[in-house]
Every structure is written in structure tokens, then in C-alpha cells.
Amino acid sequence: MAIKWSVRPPQNVEKEEGKSRFCAKLQKAMDGEVFYATLEEEECRGGARYSGYERKLLTSDRGNETT
């Protein structure tokens, strides 16, 4: 299992369908599923933090102000 952060969608990899929690994403990856996800597919704030989306989430929650 691996996590890769990127500013562009990966080539030849399907985007996750629907929303799920970060722990469910990890389980899918450990089960061999290959996919990518964005903040829009994240269902919990903890998952957003662990997957690196927290800053993006915080700025969108505050009207694009930075912390």
C-alpha cells in the first residue's frame, strides 16, 4: 500500500467513486484496490488531516483566508 501526493490526477488510475472515510480508503488500498481521491471524496475531517487536505479544507471553510 502506498500514498502519493500530487497536484494533478494520475494517469491510468480511476478516481474513487463517492465519498468514504480515510480509514475505509486505507482498507480498500490494503485489499489491492488502486484509485485516487481528492478532498471531495473525503468524508471526515480526520481523514482530511491525515491525507494532507486539512489546509485546503481550513482555507475553504474560512473564505480562502490562510492560517
N, C-alpha and C. Protein backbone atom coordinates (compact mmCIF):
# COMPACT_ATOMS: atom_id res chain seq x y z
N MET A 1 0.83 -1.15 0.00
CA MET A 1 0.00 0.00 0.00
C MET A 1 0.89 1.23 0.00
N ALA A 2 0.47 2.25 -0.74
CA ALA A 2 1.25 3.49 -0.79
C ALA A 2 0.31 4.67 -0.98
N ILE A 3 0.76 5.81 -0.50
CA ILE A 3 0.03 7.07 -0.71
C ILE A 3 0.99 8.00 -1.43
N LYS A 4 0.49 8.62 -2.48
CA LYS A 4 1.31 9.58 -3.21
C LYS A 4 0.51 10.88 -3.32
N TRP A 5 1.15 11.98 -2.97
CA TRP A 5 0.52 13.28 -3.09
C TRP A 5 0.91 13.87 -4.44
N SER A 6 -0.06 14.48 -5.12
CA SER A 6 0.18 15.04 -6.44
C SER A 6 -0.73 16.24 -6.66
N VAL A 7 -0.28 17.16 -7.50
CA VAL A 7 -1.12 18.32 -7.83
C VAL A 7 -1.99 18.04 -9.05
N ARG A 8 -1.74 16.93 -9.73
CA ARG A 8 -2.51 16.54 -10.91
C ARG A 8 -3.06 15.13 -10.73
N PRO A 9 -4.22 14.85 -11.33
CA PRO A 9 -4.73 13.47 -11.28
C PRO A 9 -3.75 12.52 -11.96
N PRO A 10 -3.57 11.33 -11.41
CA PRO A 10 -2.65 10.36 -12.03
C PRO A 10 -3.23 9.81 -13.33
N GLN A 11 -2.35 9.43 -14.23
CA GLN A 11 -2.78 8.81 -15.48
C GLN A 11 -3.07 7.33 -15.24
N ASN A 12 -4.08 6.84 -15.92
CA ASN A 12 -4.43 5.42 -15.89
C ASN A 12 -4.83 4.90 -14.52
N VAL A 13 -5.36 5.77 -13.66
CA VAL A 13 -5.84 5.37 -12.34
C VAL A 13 -7.25 5.94 -12.19
N GLU A 14 -8.18 5.11 -11.78
CA GLU A 14 -9.57 5.53 -11.62
C GLU A 14 -9.74 6.36 -10.34
N LYS A 15 -10.60 7.37 -10.43
CA LYS A 15 -10.95 8.17 -9.25
C LYS A 15 -11.94 7.39 -8.40
N GLU A 16 -11.79 7.50 -7.09
CA GLU A 16 -12.72 6.83 -6.19
C GLU A 16 -14.14 7.32 -6.47
N GLU A 17 -15.08 6.39 -6.48
CA GLU A 17 -16.48 6.77 -6.67
C GLU A 17 -17.13 7.02 -5.33
N GLY A 18 -17.76 8.18 -5.20
CA GLY A 18 -18.46 8.51 -3.96
C GLY A 18 -17.51 8.91 -2.85
N LYS A 19 -18.09 9.21 -1.70
CA LYS A 19 -17.31 9.62 -0.53
C LYS A 19 -17.06 8.43 0.38
N SER A 20 -15.93 8.47 1.07
CA SER A 20 -15.65 7.47 2.09
C SER A 20 -14.69 8.07 3.12
N ARG A 21 -14.61 7.43 4.25
CA ARG A 21 -13.70 7.87 5.31
C ARG A 21 -12.28 7.41 4.96
N PHE A 22 -11.30 8.12 5.48
CA PHE A 22 -9.90 7.80 5.20
C PHE A 22 -9.57 6.37 5.58
N CYS A 23 -10.08 5.89 6.72
CA CYS A 23 -9.79 4.53 7.14
C CYS A 23 -10.36 3.52 6.14
N ALA A 24 -11.50 3.81 5.53
CA ALA A 24 -12.05 2.92 4.50
C ALA A 24 -11.18 2.95 3.25
N LYS A 25 -10.63 4.11 2.92
CA LYS A 25 -9.72 4.22 1.78
C LYS A 25 -8.48 3.35 2.02
N LEU A 26 -7.95 3.42 3.22
CA LEU A 26 -6.78 2.60 3.56
C LEU A 26 -7.10 1.11 3.40
N GLN A 27 -8.26 0.70 3.88
CA GLN A 27 -8.63 -0.71 3.79
C GLN A 27 -8.77 -1.13 2.33
N LYS A 28 -9.39 -0.29 1.50
CA LYS A 28 -9.51 -0.62 0.08
C LYS A 28 -8.13 -0.78 -0.55
N ALA A 29 -7.21 0.12 -0.21
CA ALA A 29 -5.86 0.05 -0.76
C ALA A 29 -5.15 -1.22 -0.28
N MET A 30 -5.30 -1.56 1.01
CA MET A 30 -4.68 -2.78 1.52
C MET A 30 -5.28 -4.03 0.89
N ASP A 31 -6.52 -3.94 0.44
CA ASP A 31 -7.17 -5.05 -0.25
C ASP A 31 -6.80 -5.12 -1.72
N GLY A 32 -5.94 -4.20 -2.18
CA GLY A 32 -5.45 -4.25 -3.55
C GLY A 32 -6.12 -3.31 -4.53
N GLU A 33 -7.09 -2.54 -4.07
CA GLU A 33 -7.76 -1.61 -4.98
C GLU A 33 -6.84 -0.42 -5.26
N VAL A 34 -6.78 -0.02 -6.52
CA VAL A 34 -5.95 1.11 -6.94
C VAL A 34 -6.89 2.24 -7.36
N PHE A 35 -6.75 3.39 -6.75
CA PHE A 35 -7.62 4.52 -7.03
C PHE A 35 -6.94 5.80 -6.55
N TYR A 36 -7.51 6.93 -6.93
CA TYR A 36 -7.08 8.19 -6.33
C TYR A 36 -8.31 8.91 -5.81
N ALA A 37 -8.09 9.82 -4.89
CA ALA A 37 -9.19 10.58 -4.28
C ALA A 37 -8.75 12.01 -4.06
N THR A 38 -9.73 12.88 -4.01
CA THR A 38 -9.49 14.29 -3.73
C THR A 38 -10.25 14.67 -2.46
N LEU A 39 -10.16 15.91 -2.06
CA LEU A 39 -10.90 16.37 -0.89
C LEU A 39 -12.39 16.11 -1.03
N GLU A 40 -12.90 16.18 -2.25
CA GLU A 40 -14.33 15.98 -2.47
C GLU A 40 -14.78 14.55 -2.12
N GLU A 41 -13.89 13.59 -2.13
CA GLU A 41 -14.24 12.21 -1.78
C GLU A 41 -13.99 11.89 -0.31
N GLU A 42 -13.47 12.84 0.45
CA GLU A 42 -13.16 12.60 1.86
C GLU A 42 -14.39 12.89 2.71
N GLU A 43 -14.71 11.95 3.60
CA GLU A 43 -15.91 12.05 4.40
C GLU A 43 -15.67 12.50 5.85
N CYS A 44 -14.42 12.58 6.28
CA CYS A 44 -14.20 13.02 7.66
C CYS A 44 -13.02 13.99 7.75
N ARG A 45 -13.08 14.88 8.73
CA ARG A 45 -12.02 15.88 8.89
C ARG A 45 -10.70 15.24 9.30
N GLY A 46 -10.75 14.19 10.09
CA GLY A 46 -9.53 13.49 10.46
C GLY A 46 -8.83 12.93 9.24
N GLY A 47 -9.60 12.35 8.34
CA GLY A 47 -9.03 11.84 7.10
C GLY A 47 -8.44 12.95 6.26
N ALA A 48 -9.10 14.11 6.25
CA ALA A 48 -8.57 15.27 5.52
C ALA A 48 -7.21 15.67 6.10
N ARG A 49 -7.08 15.61 7.40
CA ARG A 49 -5.81 15.96 8.04
C ARG A 49 -4.73 14.95 7.68
N TYR A 50 -5.03 13.66 7.80
CA TYR A 50 -4.02 12.63 7.55
C TYR A 50 -3.64 12.50 6.08
N SER A 51 -4.56 12.88 5.19
CA SER A 51 -4.25 12.78 3.77
C SER A 51 -3.69 14.08 3.20
N GLY A 52 -3.51 15.09 4.03
CA GLY A 52 -2.88 16.32 3.58
C GLY A 52 -3.83 17.37 3.05
N TYR A 53 -5.13 17.14 3.19
CA TYR A 53 -6.11 18.10 2.69
C TYR A 53 -6.52 19.12 3.73
N GLU A 54 -6.06 19.01 4.96
CA GLU A 54 -6.54 19.85 6.05
C GLU A 54 -6.39 21.34 5.75
N ARG A 55 -5.25 21.75 5.25
CA ARG A 55 -5.05 23.17 4.98
C ARG A 55 -6.03 23.67 3.92
N LYS A 56 -6.25 22.87 2.89
CA LYS A 56 -7.21 23.24 1.85
C LYS A 56 -8.61 23.34 2.45
N LEU A 57 -8.95 22.40 3.32
CA LEU A 57 -10.25 22.39 3.97
C LEU A 57 -10.41 23.62 4.86
N LEU A 58 -9.39 23.94 5.63
CA LEU A 58 -9.45 25.09 6.51
C LEU A 58 -9.61 26.39 5.74
N THR A 59 -8.90 26.55 4.64
CA THR A 59 -9.00 27.79 3.88
C THR A 59 -10.35 27.90 3.19
N SER A 60 -10.92 26.78 2.74
CA SER A 60 -12.24 26.86 2.12
C SER A 60 -13.32 27.13 3.16
N ASP A 61 -13.16 26.63 4.39
CA ASP A 61 -14.11 26.89 5.46
C ASP A 61 -14.10 28.35 5.90
N ARG A 62 -12.99 29.02 5.71
CA ARG A 62 -12.85 30.41 6.18
C ARG A 62 -12.87 31.42 5.05
N GLY A 63 -13.41 31.05 3.93
CA GLY A 63 -13.48 32.00 2.84
C GLY A 63 -12.14 32.32 2.22
N ASN A 64 -11.28 31.30 2.09
CA ASN A 64 -9.95 31.42 1.47
C ASN A 64 -8.96 32.25 2.27
N GLU A 65 -9.20 32.42 3.56
CA GLU A 65 -8.18 33.05 4.41
C GLU A 65 -7.15 31.99 4.76
N THR A 66 -5.91 32.37 4.90
CA THR A 66 -4.87 31.41 5.32
C THR A 66 -4.66 31.54 6.80
N THR A 67 -4.22 30.43 7.42
CA THR A 67 -3.97 30.44 8.85
C THR A 67 -2.49 30.47 9.13
